[in-house]
Amino acid sequence: METTVGLRERKKAETRQAVHEAALRLVVEHGLDAVTVEAIADAANISRRTFSNYFSGKEDALLYGEEQRILALVEQVRAQPAGFTAWQALRASIEDLHQELGEPQREWSLRARLAKRHPSLLARQLANHAGLERDLADAVADRPTTVPPRVLAAAFLVGLRVATHLWSEEREERTLREVMSETLDQLAQPFA
């Protein structure tokens, strides 16, 4: 029974990833407004109904990869050693995530550029980040910190967002890891 459940979940994950990749490809080629859910479903070789079983709309399909990274980030924060401060746990989680998943694909940069141009995608992305802020605050709530966990989580996410936009604007001259590390180091310095 476990083998069947594992296979079924793996197939679902593969379908979600295929739909995400099809959505990203079509939106990059044609623009968000010109792409329909039906076109994404066709490109992923699934029915419109199957699409609806996985995603509520094209914005969700586009942001699926980011949502998976968000879940992985929260799990990494929770897995950090008990002796780490809240900031150390957040910083270490980013390093661990990079080691586990590698440098993000070009899709991260493309999504960041798309989000700047499309209010519906930006709204969905902001909703994801609000949820992540709460989850990160909960994950570090029992760790030592000089500011409330919610404030720390929000500042950390602002650092990640700024780093992603800087990386995107640089057209990837440096790795996202390098830009994030520099930005988070600057954020950790006391304000003048």
N, C-alpha and C. Protein backbone atom coordinates (compact mmCIF):
# COMPACT_ATOMS: atom_id res chain seq x y z
N MET A 1 0.82 -1.20 0.00
CA MET A 1 0.00 0.00 0.00
C MET A 1 0.85 1.26 0.00
N GLU A 2 1.94 1.29 0.82
CA GLU A 2 2.80 2.47 0.87
C GLU A 2 3.43 2.75 -0.49
N THR A 3 3.80 1.71 -1.23
CA THR A 3 4.39 1.89 -2.55
C THR A 3 3.41 2.56 -3.49
N THR A 4 2.15 2.16 -3.44
CA THR A 4 1.12 2.76 -4.29
C THR A 4 0.90 4.22 -3.93
N VAL A 5 0.81 4.52 -2.64
CA VAL A 5 0.63 5.90 -2.20
C VAL A 5 1.84 6.74 -2.60
N GLY A 6 3.03 6.22 -2.40
CA GLY A 6 4.25 6.93 -2.78
C GLY A 6 4.30 7.22 -4.27
N LEU A 7 3.94 6.23 -5.08
CA LEU A 7 3.92 6.39 -6.53
C LEU A 7 2.88 7.43 -6.93
N ARG A 8 1.71 7.36 -6.33
CA ARG A 8 0.63 8.30 -6.64
C ARG A 8 1.06 9.73 -6.30
N GLU A 9 1.67 9.93 -5.14
CA GLU A 9 2.12 11.27 -4.73
C GLU A 9 3.24 11.77 -5.64
N ARG A 10 4.12 10.87 -6.05
CA ARG A 10 5.21 11.26 -6.95
C ARG A 10 4.65 11.69 -8.30
N LYS A 11 3.66 10.97 -8.80
CA LYS A 11 3.03 11.33 -10.08
C LYS A 11 2.31 12.67 -9.98
N LYS A 12 1.66 12.91 -8.85
CA LYS A 12 0.99 14.20 -8.65
C LYS A 12 2.02 15.33 -8.64
N ALA A 13 3.13 15.11 -7.95
CA ALA A 13 4.18 16.13 -7.90
C ALA A 13 4.75 16.39 -9.30
N GLU A 14 4.93 15.31 -10.07
CA GLU A 14 5.43 15.47 -11.44
C GLU A 14 4.44 16.25 -12.31
N THR A 15 3.17 15.98 -12.13
CA THR A 15 2.15 16.71 -12.89
C THR A 15 2.15 18.18 -12.50
N ARG A 16 2.20 18.46 -11.21
CA ARG A 16 2.25 19.86 -10.77
C ARG A 16 3.46 20.57 -11.38
N GLN A 17 4.59 19.91 -11.35
CA GLN A 17 5.82 20.52 -11.90
C GLN A 17 5.68 20.74 -13.40
N ALA A 18 5.10 19.79 -14.11
CA ALA A 18 4.91 19.93 -15.56
C ALA A 18 3.98 21.09 -15.88
N VAL A 19 2.92 21.24 -15.11
CA VAL A 19 1.99 22.35 -15.32
C VAL A 19 2.69 23.67 -15.01
N HIS A 20 3.44 23.71 -13.93
CA HIS A 20 4.20 24.92 -13.57
C HIS A 20 5.15 25.31 -14.70
N GLU A 21 5.90 24.36 -15.21
CA GLU A 21 6.86 24.65 -16.28
C GLU A 21 6.16 25.11 -17.56
N ALA A 22 5.03 24.50 -17.88
CA ALA A 22 4.26 24.91 -19.05
C ALA A 22 3.74 26.33 -18.87
N ALA A 23 3.23 26.63 -17.69
CA ALA A 23 2.71 27.98 -17.41
C ALA A 23 3.82 29.02 -17.54
N LEU A 24 4.94 28.74 -16.94
CA LEU A 24 6.06 29.67 -17.00
C LEU A 24 6.52 29.90 -18.43
N ARG A 25 6.66 28.82 -19.17
CA ARG A 25 7.11 28.93 -20.57
C ARG A 25 6.13 29.76 -21.40
N LEU A 26 4.84 29.48 -21.28
CA LEU A 26 3.84 30.20 -22.05
C LEU A 26 3.76 31.68 -21.67
N VAL A 27 3.85 31.96 -20.38
CA VAL A 27 3.77 33.35 -19.94
C VAL A 27 4.99 34.13 -20.39
N VAL A 28 6.14 33.52 -20.34
CA VAL A 28 7.35 34.20 -20.82
C VAL A 28 7.26 34.45 -22.32
N GLU A 29 6.70 33.50 -23.07
CA GLU A 29 6.58 33.64 -24.52
C GLU A 29 5.49 34.62 -24.93
N HIS A 30 4.33 34.62 -24.23
CA HIS A 30 3.16 35.36 -24.70
C HIS A 30 2.66 36.45 -23.76
N GLY A 31 3.16 36.48 -22.54
CA GLY A 31 2.65 37.43 -21.55
C GLY A 31 1.53 36.82 -20.74
N LEU A 32 1.41 37.24 -19.50
CA LEU A 32 0.43 36.66 -18.59
C LEU A 32 -1.00 36.84 -19.09
N ASP A 33 -1.32 38.03 -19.57
CA ASP A 33 -2.69 38.31 -19.98
C ASP A 33 -3.12 37.48 -21.20
N ALA A 34 -2.19 37.10 -22.04
CA ALA A 34 -2.53 36.36 -23.26
C ALA A 34 -2.64 34.85 -23.04
N VAL A 35 -2.23 34.37 -21.88
CA VAL A 35 -2.23 32.93 -21.62
C VAL A 35 -3.46 32.55 -20.81
N THR A 36 -4.15 31.52 -21.27
CA THR A 36 -5.33 31.02 -20.56
C THR A 36 -4.98 29.73 -19.81
N VAL A 37 -5.83 29.39 -18.89
CA VAL A 37 -5.68 28.13 -18.17
C VAL A 37 -5.78 26.97 -19.16
N GLU A 38 -6.66 27.08 -20.13
CA GLU A 38 -6.81 26.03 -21.15
C GLU A 38 -5.52 25.84 -21.93
N ALA A 39 -4.84 26.93 -22.28
CA ALA A 39 -3.58 26.83 -23.02
C ALA A 39 -2.51 26.15 -22.17
N ILE A 40 -2.49 26.47 -20.88
CA ILE A 40 -1.52 25.84 -19.97
C ILE A 40 -1.82 24.35 -19.87
N ALA A 41 -3.08 24.00 -19.70
CA ALA A 41 -3.47 22.59 -19.60
C ALA A 41 -3.08 21.85 -20.88
N ASP A 42 -3.36 22.44 -22.04
CA ASP A 42 -2.97 21.81 -23.31
C ASP A 42 -1.47 21.60 -23.39
N ALA A 43 -0.70 22.62 -23.01
CA ALA A 43 0.76 22.52 -23.08
C ALA A 43 1.31 21.46 -22.13
N ALA A 44 0.61 21.25 -21.01
CA ALA A 44 1.03 20.23 -20.04
C ALA A 44 0.42 18.87 -20.34
N ASN A 45 -0.38 18.79 -21.41
CA ASN A 45 -1.01 17.55 -21.85
C ASN A 45 -1.96 16.98 -20.80
N ILE A 46 -2.76 17.89 -20.20
CA ILE A 46 -3.78 17.48 -19.24
C ILE A 46 -5.08 18.20 -19.60
N SER A 47 -6.17 17.78 -18.99
CA SER A 47 -7.45 18.43 -19.24
C SER A 47 -7.58 19.68 -18.36
N ARG A 48 -8.53 20.53 -18.69
CA ARG A 48 -8.81 21.73 -17.90
C ARG A 48 -9.26 21.31 -16.50
N ARG A 49 -10.03 20.25 -16.43
CA ARG A 49 -10.51 19.75 -15.13
C ARG A 49 -9.33 19.27 -14.28
N THR A 50 -8.39 18.56 -14.90
CA THR A 50 -7.22 18.10 -14.16
C THR A 50 -6.42 19.29 -13.66
N PHE A 51 -6.28 20.32 -14.51
CA PHE A 51 -5.61 21.55 -14.08
C PHE A 51 -6.25 22.06 -12.79
N SER A 52 -7.56 22.11 -12.76
CA SER A 52 -8.29 22.63 -11.60
C SER A 52 -8.11 21.76 -10.36
N ASN A 53 -7.78 20.49 -10.54
CA ASN A 53 -7.49 19.63 -9.40
C ASN A 53 -6.16 20.00 -8.74
N TYR A 54 -5.28 20.63 -9.49
CA TYR A 54 -3.96 20.98 -8.98
C TYR A 54 -3.80 22.44 -8.62
N PHE A 55 -4.40 23.34 -9.40
CA PHE A 55 -4.22 24.77 -9.21
C PHE A 55 -5.54 25.51 -9.37
N SER A 56 -5.68 26.59 -8.63
CA SER A 56 -6.92 27.38 -8.73
C SER A 56 -6.87 28.39 -9.88
N GLY A 57 -5.70 28.66 -10.40
CA GLY A 57 -5.58 29.59 -11.52
C GLY A 57 -4.17 29.61 -12.05
N LYS A 58 -3.96 30.40 -13.09
CA LYS A 58 -2.64 30.44 -13.72
C LYS A 58 -1.59 31.06 -12.81
N GLU A 59 -2.01 31.99 -11.92
CA GLU A 59 -1.05 32.58 -10.99
C GLU A 59 -0.49 31.51 -10.04
N ASP A 60 -1.37 30.64 -9.56
CA ASP A 60 -0.93 29.56 -8.68
C ASP A 60 0.03 28.61 -9.40
N ALA A 61 -0.28 28.31 -10.65
CA ALA A 61 0.60 27.43 -11.43
C ALA A 61 1.96 28.08 -11.65
N LEU A 62 1.96 29.37 -11.92
CA LEU A 62 3.23 30.08 -12.12
C LEU A 62 4.08 30.11 -10.86
N LEU A 63 3.45 30.27 -9.72
CA LEU A 63 4.19 30.43 -8.47
C LEU A 63 4.43 29.13 -7.72
N TYR A 64 4.08 28.00 -8.32
CA TYR A 64 4.25 26.71 -7.66
C TYR A 64 5.70 26.48 -7.21
N GLY A 65 6.65 26.75 -8.07
CA GLY A 65 8.06 26.54 -7.72
C GLY A 65 8.47 27.36 -6.51
N GLU A 66 8.02 28.60 -6.46
CA GLU A 66 8.31 29.47 -5.33
C GLU A 66 7.67 28.91 -4.06
N GLU A 67 6.44 28.43 -4.17
CA GLU A 67 5.76 27.89 -3.01
C GLU A 67 6.49 26.66 -2.46
N GLN A 68 7.05 25.86 -3.34
CA GLN A 68 7.82 24.70 -2.88
C GLN A 68 9.07 25.12 -2.15
N ARG A 69 9.73 26.17 -2.64
CA ARG A 69 10.91 26.71 -1.94
C ARG A 69 10.51 27.28 -0.59
N ILE A 70 9.35 27.91 -0.50
CA ILE A 70 8.87 28.46 0.76
C ILE A 70 8.70 27.35 1.79
N LEU A 71 8.05 26.27 1.39
CA LEU A 71 7.86 25.14 2.31
C LEU A 71 9.20 24.56 2.75
N ALA A 72 10.12 24.45 1.81
CA ALA A 72 11.44 23.92 2.13
C ALA A 72 12.19 24.86 3.08
N LEU A 73 12.05 26.16 2.89
CA LEU A 73 12.72 27.13 3.76
C LEU A 73 12.20 27.01 5.19
N VAL A 74 10.92 26.93 5.37
CA VAL A 74 10.35 26.82 6.72
C VAL A 74 10.84 25.54 7.39
N GLU A 75 10.87 24.46 6.65
CA GLU A 75 11.38 23.19 7.22
C GLU A 75 12.85 23.31 7.59
N GLN A 76 13.63 23.99 6.78
CA GLN A 76 15.06 24.18 7.09
C GLN A 76 15.23 24.99 8.37
N VAL A 77 14.42 26.04 8.54
CA VAL A 77 14.50 26.86 9.75
C VAL A 77 14.20 25.99 10.97
N ARG A 78 13.16 25.20 10.88
CA ARG A 78 12.78 24.34 12.02
C ARG A 78 13.86 23.30 12.33
N ALA A 79 14.64 22.91 11.34
CA ALA A 79 15.65 21.87 11.51
C ALA A 79 16.98 22.40 12.05
N GLN A 80 17.12 23.70 12.21
CA GLN A 80 18.38 24.26 12.68
C GLN A 80 18.63 23.88 14.15
N PRO A 81 19.91 23.79 14.54
CA PRO A 81 20.24 23.42 15.92
C PRO A 81 19.57 24.34 16.95
N ALA A 82 19.22 23.77 18.07
CA ALA A 82 18.50 24.49 19.13
C ALA A 82 19.29 25.68 19.66
N GLY A 83 20.60 25.64 19.63
CA GLY A 83 21.42 26.72 20.17
C GLY A 83 21.51 27.95 19.28
N PHE A 84 20.99 27.88 18.08
CA PHE A 84 21.05 29.03 17.18
C PHE A 84 20.05 30.10 17.61
N THR A 85 20.47 31.37 17.46
CA THR A 85 19.51 32.46 17.64
C THR A 85 18.53 32.42 16.47
N ALA A 86 17.51 33.22 16.55
CA ALA A 86 16.51 33.27 15.47
C ALA A 86 17.19 33.70 14.16
N TRP A 87 18.01 34.74 14.20
CA TRP A 87 18.68 35.22 12.98
C TRP A 87 19.63 34.15 12.43
N GLN A 88 20.39 33.51 13.29
CA GLN A 88 21.30 32.44 12.85
C GLN A 88 20.53 31.31 12.19
N ALA A 89 19.39 30.95 12.74
CA ALA A 89 18.58 29.88 12.16
C ALA A 89 18.07 30.28 10.77
N LEU A 90 17.63 31.52 10.64
CA LEU A 90 17.16 32.00 9.34
C LEU A 90 18.29 32.01 8.32
N ARG A 91 19.43 32.55 8.69
CA ARG A 91 20.57 32.62 7.76
C ARG A 91 21.06 31.23 7.38
N ALA A 92 21.19 30.35 8.37
CA ALA A 92 21.67 28.99 8.10
C ALA A 92 20.69 28.25 7.20
N SER A 93 19.41 28.52 7.37
CA SER A 93 18.42 27.83 6.54
C SER A 93 18.58 28.18 5.07
N ILE A 94 18.92 29.42 4.77
CA ILE A 94 19.14 29.82 3.38
C ILE A 94 20.35 29.08 2.81
N GLU A 95 21.42 29.01 3.59
CA GLU A 95 22.61 28.27 3.14
C GLU A 95 22.30 26.80 2.92
N ASP A 96 21.58 26.20 3.87
CA ASP A 96 21.22 24.79 3.74
C ASP A 96 20.32 24.55 2.53
N LEU A 97 19.40 25.47 2.30
CA LEU A 97 18.50 25.35 1.15
C LEU A 97 19.27 25.44 -0.16
N HIS A 98 20.24 26.34 -0.23
CA HIS A 98 21.07 26.43 -1.43
C HIS A 98 21.87 25.14 -1.64
N GLN A 99 22.40 24.59 -0.56
CA GLN A 99 23.16 23.35 -0.69
C GLN A 99 22.26 22.20 -1.12
N GLU A 100 21.04 22.15 -0.59
CA GLU A 100 20.12 21.06 -0.91
C GLU A 100 19.55 21.19 -2.32
N LEU A 101 19.10 22.39 -2.68
CA LEU A 101 18.42 22.58 -3.95
C LEU A 101 19.30 23.16 -5.05
N GLY A 102 20.46 23.67 -4.68
CA GLY A 102 21.32 24.29 -5.67
C GLY A 102 20.88 25.71 -5.97
N GLU A 103 21.63 26.36 -6.80
CA GLU A 103 21.30 27.73 -7.21
C GLU A 103 19.98 27.70 -7.97
N PRO A 104 19.08 28.64 -7.68
CA PRO A 104 17.79 28.65 -8.36
C PRO A 104 17.93 28.71 -9.87
N GLN A 105 16.99 28.12 -10.53
CA GLN A 105 16.94 28.16 -11.98
C GLN A 105 16.61 29.57 -12.45
N ARG A 106 16.75 29.78 -13.70
CA ARG A 106 16.45 31.08 -14.30
C ARG A 106 14.99 31.48 -14.03
N GLU A 107 14.11 30.53 -13.79
CA GLU A 107 12.70 30.84 -13.58
C GLU A 107 12.49 31.82 -12.43
N TRP A 108 13.36 31.78 -11.42
CA TRP A 108 13.22 32.72 -10.31
C TRP A 108 13.33 34.15 -10.81
N SER A 109 14.34 34.39 -11.62
CA SER A 109 14.55 35.72 -12.16
C SER A 109 13.39 36.13 -13.06
N LEU A 110 12.92 35.21 -13.88
CA LEU A 110 11.79 35.50 -14.77
C LEU A 110 10.54 35.82 -13.97
N ARG A 111 10.27 35.06 -12.92
CA ARG A 111 9.09 35.30 -12.08
C ARG A 111 9.16 36.66 -11.41
N ALA A 112 10.36 37.02 -10.94
CA ALA A 112 10.51 38.33 -10.30
C ALA A 112 10.20 39.44 -11.29
N ARG A 113 10.67 39.30 -12.51
CA ARG A 113 10.37 40.30 -13.54
C ARG A 113 8.88 40.32 -13.88
N LEU A 114 8.26 39.14 -13.97
CA LEU A 114 6.83 39.07 -14.26
C LEU A 114 6.02 39.72 -13.14
N ALA A 115 6.41 39.47 -11.90
CA ALA A 115 5.66 40.00 -10.77
C ALA A 115 5.67 41.52 -10.77
N LYS A 116 6.74 42.11 -11.26
CA LYS A 116 6.81 43.56 -11.31
C LYS A 116 5.82 44.14 -12.32
N ARG A 117 5.43 43.36 -13.30
CA ARG A 117 4.59 43.86 -14.39
C ARG A 117 3.12 43.45 -14.30
N HIS A 118 2.79 42.47 -13.48
CA HIS A 118 1.43 41.94 -13.46
C HIS A 118 0.85 41.98 -12.05
N PRO A 119 -0.10 42.86 -11.82
CA PRO A 119 -0.68 42.99 -10.48
C PRO A 119 -1.30 41.70 -9.94
N SER A 120 -1.92 40.89 -10.78
CA SER A 120 -2.55 39.67 -10.27
C SER A 120 -1.50 38.68 -9.77
N LEU A 121 -0.39 38.60 -10.45
CA LEU A 121 0.69 37.71 -10.02
C LEU A 121 1.36 38.27 -8.76
N LEU A 122 1.56 39.57 -8.72
CA LEU A 122 2.15 40.20 -7.55
C LEU A 122 1.27 40.00 -6.33
N ALA A 123 -0.04 40.11 -6.49
CA ALA A 123 -0.96 39.92 -5.38
C ALA A 123 -0.85 38.50 -4.82
N ARG A 124 -0.78 37.52 -5.69
CA ARG A 124 -0.66 36.13 -5.24
C ARG A 124 0.68 35.90 -4.56
N GLN A 125 1.72 36.51 -5.10
CA GLN A 125 3.05 36.37 -4.52
C GLN A 125 3.09 37.03 -3.13
N LEU A 126 2.47 38.17 -2.99
CA LEU A 126 2.42 38.85 -1.69
C LEU A 126 1.64 38.01 -0.66
N ALA A 127 0.59 37.36 -1.10
CA ALA A 127 -0.17 36.48 -0.20
C ALA A 127 0.72 35.33 0.27
N ASN A 128 1.49 34.77 -0.64
CA ASN A 128 2.43 33.70 -0.27
C ASN A 128 3.43 34.20 0.77
N HIS A 129 3.94 35.40 0.57
CA HIS A 129 4.94 35.94 1.47
C HIS A 129 4.36 36.27 2.84
N ALA A 130 3.11 36.69 2.88
CA ALA A 130 2.46 36.94 4.17
C ALA A 130 2.34 35.64 4.97
N GLY A 131 1.98 34.57 4.29
CA GLY A 131 1.91 33.27 4.94
C GLY A 131 3.28 32.80 5.39
N LEU A 132 4.28 33.02 4.56
CA LEU A 132 5.65 32.64 4.91
C LEU A 132 6.13 33.43 6.13
N GLU A 133 5.81 34.71 6.17
CA GLU A 133 6.20 35.53 7.31
C GLU A 133 5.66 34.94 8.61
N ARG A 134 4.40 34.56 8.61
CA ARG A 134 3.80 33.95 9.81
C ARG A 134 4.48 32.63 10.16
N ASP A 135 4.71 31.80 9.12
CA ASP A 135 5.33 30.50 9.36
C ASP A 135 6.76 30.63 9.89
N LEU A 136 7.52 31.58 9.33
CA LEU A 136 8.89 31.79 9.80
C LEU A 136 8.90 32.34 11.23
N ALA A 137 7.98 33.24 11.51
CA ALA A 137 7.89 33.79 12.88
C ALA A 137 7.59 32.66 13.87
N ASP A 138 6.68 31.78 13.50
CA ASP A 138 6.37 30.63 14.36
C ASP A 138 7.58 29.71 14.51
N ALA A 139 8.34 29.53 13.43
CA ALA A 139 9.49 28.62 13.45
C ALA A 139 10.63 29.14 14.33
N VAL A 140 10.73 30.45 14.51
CA VAL A 140 11.81 31.01 15.34
C VAL A 140 11.31 31.57 16.67
N ALA A 141 10.05 31.40 16.96
CA ALA A 141 9.44 32.01 18.15
C ALA A 141 10.13 31.62 19.45
N ASP A 142 10.68 30.42 19.53
CA ASP A 142 11.32 29.96 20.77
C ASP A 142 12.81 30.21 20.80
N ARG A 143 13.33 30.88 19.80
CA ARG A 143 14.77 31.15 19.73
C ARG A 143 15.07 32.56 20.23
N PRO A 144 16.28 32.76 20.75
CA PRO A 144 16.64 34.11 21.21
C PRO A 144 16.68 35.11 20.05
N THR A 145 16.11 36.29 20.30
CA THR A 145 16.12 37.37 19.31
C THR A 145 15.93 38.69 20.04
N THR A 146 16.49 39.76 19.46
CA THR A 146 16.37 41.08 20.08
C THR A 146 15.12 41.83 19.63
N VAL A 147 14.43 41.30 18.64
CA VAL A 147 13.19 41.92 18.15
C VAL A 147 12.11 40.84 18.12
N PRO A 148 10.85 41.22 18.09
CA PRO A 148 9.79 40.20 18.03
C PRO A 148 9.96 39.31 16.80
N PRO A 149 9.64 38.02 16.92
CA PRO A 149 9.83 37.08 15.81
C PRO A 149 9.14 37.52 14.51
N ARG A 150 7.98 38.12 14.61
CA ARG A 150 7.26 38.56 13.40
C ARG A 150 8.03 39.68 12.69
N VAL A 151 8.60 40.59 13.46
CA VAL A 151 9.40 41.67 12.88
C VAL A 151 10.66 41.11 12.24
N LEU A 152 11.30 40.18 12.92
CA LEU A 152 12.51 39.56 12.38
C LEU A 152 12.21 38.81 11.08
N ALA A 153 11.13 38.03 11.08
CA ALA A 153 10.76 37.28 9.88
C ALA A 153 10.45 38.23 8.72
N ALA A 154 9.75 39.32 9.01
CA ALA A 154 9.42 40.29 7.95
C ALA A 154 10.69 40.93 7.40
N ALA A 155 11.61 41.32 8.28
CA ALA A 155 12.87 41.92 7.82
C ALA A 155 13.67 40.93 6.98
N PHE A 156 13.72 39.70 7.42
CA PHE A 156 14.43 38.66 6.68
C PHE A 156 13.84 38.50 5.28
N LEU A 157 12.52 38.46 5.19
CA LEU A 157 11.87 38.31 3.90
C LEU A 157 12.08 39.52 3.00
N VAL A 158 12.10 40.71 3.59
CA VAL A 158 12.41 41.90 2.79
C VAL A 158 13.81 41.77 2.21
N GLY A 159 14.74 41.30 3.02
CA GLY A 159 16.11 41.09 2.53
C GLY A 159 16.15 40.11 1.36
N LEU A 160 15.39 39.02 1.48
CA LEU A 160 15.34 38.04 0.39
C LEU A 160 14.71 38.63 -0.87
N ARG A 161 13.64 39.39 -0.67
CA ARG A 161 12.94 40.01 -1.81
C ARG A 161 13.84 41.02 -2.51
N VAL A 162 14.49 41.88 -1.74
CA VAL A 162 15.39 42.87 -2.33
C VAL A 162 16.53 42.18 -3.06
N ALA A 163 17.09 41.15 -2.45
CA ALA A 163 18.18 40.42 -3.10
C ALA A 163 17.73 39.79 -4.41
N THR A 164 16.53 39.22 -4.42
CA THR A 164 16.01 38.62 -5.64
C THR A 164 15.84 39.66 -6.74
N HIS A 165 15.31 40.83 -6.38
CA HIS A 165 15.14 41.89 -7.37
C HIS A 165 16.48 42.42 -7.87
N LEU A 166 17.43 42.59 -6.96
CA LEU A 166 18.77 43.03 -7.37
C LEU A 166 19.39 42.02 -8.33
N TRP A 167 19.27 40.75 -7.98
CA TRP A 167 19.81 39.68 -8.83
C TRP A 167 19.16 39.70 -10.20
N SER A 168 17.87 39.90 -10.21
CA SER A 168 17.13 39.96 -11.46
C SER A 168 17.58 41.15 -12.31
N GLU A 169 17.74 42.30 -11.67
CA GLU A 169 18.15 43.49 -12.40
C GLU A 169 19.58 43.39 -12.91
N GLU A 170 20.42 42.64 -12.21
CA GLU A 170 21.81 42.46 -12.65
C GLU A 170 21.90 41.51 -13.84
N ARG A 171 20.81 40.91 -14.21
CA ARG A 171 20.80 39.90 -15.27
C ARG A 171 21.74 38.75 -14.92
N GLU A 172 21.76 38.46 -13.62
CA GLU A 172 22.47 37.29 -13.09
C GLU A 172 23.98 37.34 -13.25
N GLU A 173 24.57 38.53 -13.10
CA GLU A 173 26.02 38.64 -13.14
C GLU A 173 26.65 37.88 -11.97
N ARG A 174 25.99 37.93 -10.81
CA ARG A 174 26.41 37.15 -9.64
C ARG A 174 25.34 36.11 -9.38
N THR A 175 25.67 35.14 -8.54
CA THR A 175 24.67 34.14 -8.18
C THR A 175 23.69 34.76 -7.19
N LEU A 176 22.50 34.21 -7.14
CA LEU A 176 21.51 34.67 -6.17
C LEU A 176 22.05 34.47 -4.76
N ARG A 177 22.75 33.40 -4.55
CA ARG A 177 23.34 33.12 -3.23
C ARG A 177 24.27 34.25 -2.80
N GLU A 178 25.09 34.73 -3.72
CA GLU A 178 26.02 35.83 -3.40
C GLU A 178 25.26 37.11 -3.07
N VAL A 179 24.25 37.41 -3.87
CA VAL A 179 23.48 38.64 -3.66
C VAL A 179 22.70 38.55 -2.35
N MET A 180 22.10 37.38 -2.07
CA MET A 180 21.36 37.21 -0.81
C MET A 180 22.28 37.34 0.39
N SER A 181 23.43 36.74 0.32
CA SER A 181 24.37 36.79 1.44
C SER A 181 24.78 38.23 1.72
N GLU A 182 25.13 38.97 0.67
CA GLU A 182 25.52 40.37 0.84
C GLU A 182 24.37 41.19 1.42
N THR A 183 23.18 41.01 0.90
CA THR A 183 22.02 41.78 1.36
C THR A 183 21.68 41.46 2.79
N LEU A 184 21.69 40.18 3.16
CA LEU A 184 21.37 39.80 4.54
C LEU A 184 22.45 40.27 5.50
N ASP A 185 23.72 40.27 5.07
CA ASP A 185 24.79 40.82 5.92
C ASP A 185 24.56 42.31 6.18
N GLN A 186 24.16 43.03 5.14
CA GLN A 186 23.89 44.46 5.31
C GLN A 186 22.69 44.67 6.23
N LEU A 187 21.69 43.84 6.10
CA LEU A 187 20.48 43.95 6.92
C LEU A 187 20.79 43.68 8.39
N ALA A 188 21.74 42.80 8.66
CA ALA A 188 22.07 42.40 10.02
C ALA A 188 22.87 43.48 10.75
N GLN A 189 23.45 44.43 10.02
CA GLN A 189 24.23 45.50 10.65
C GLN A 189 23.29 46.46 11.37
N PRO A 190 23.75 47.03 12.45
CA PRO A 190 22.89 48.01 13.15
C PRO A 190 22.63 49.21 12.24
N PHE A 191 21.45 49.78 12.38
CA PHE A 191 21.11 50.96 11.60
C PHE A 191 21.89 52.17 12.11
N ALA A 192 22.36 53.00 11.19
CA ALA A 192 23.14 54.18 11.56
C ALA A 192 22.25 55.29 12.08
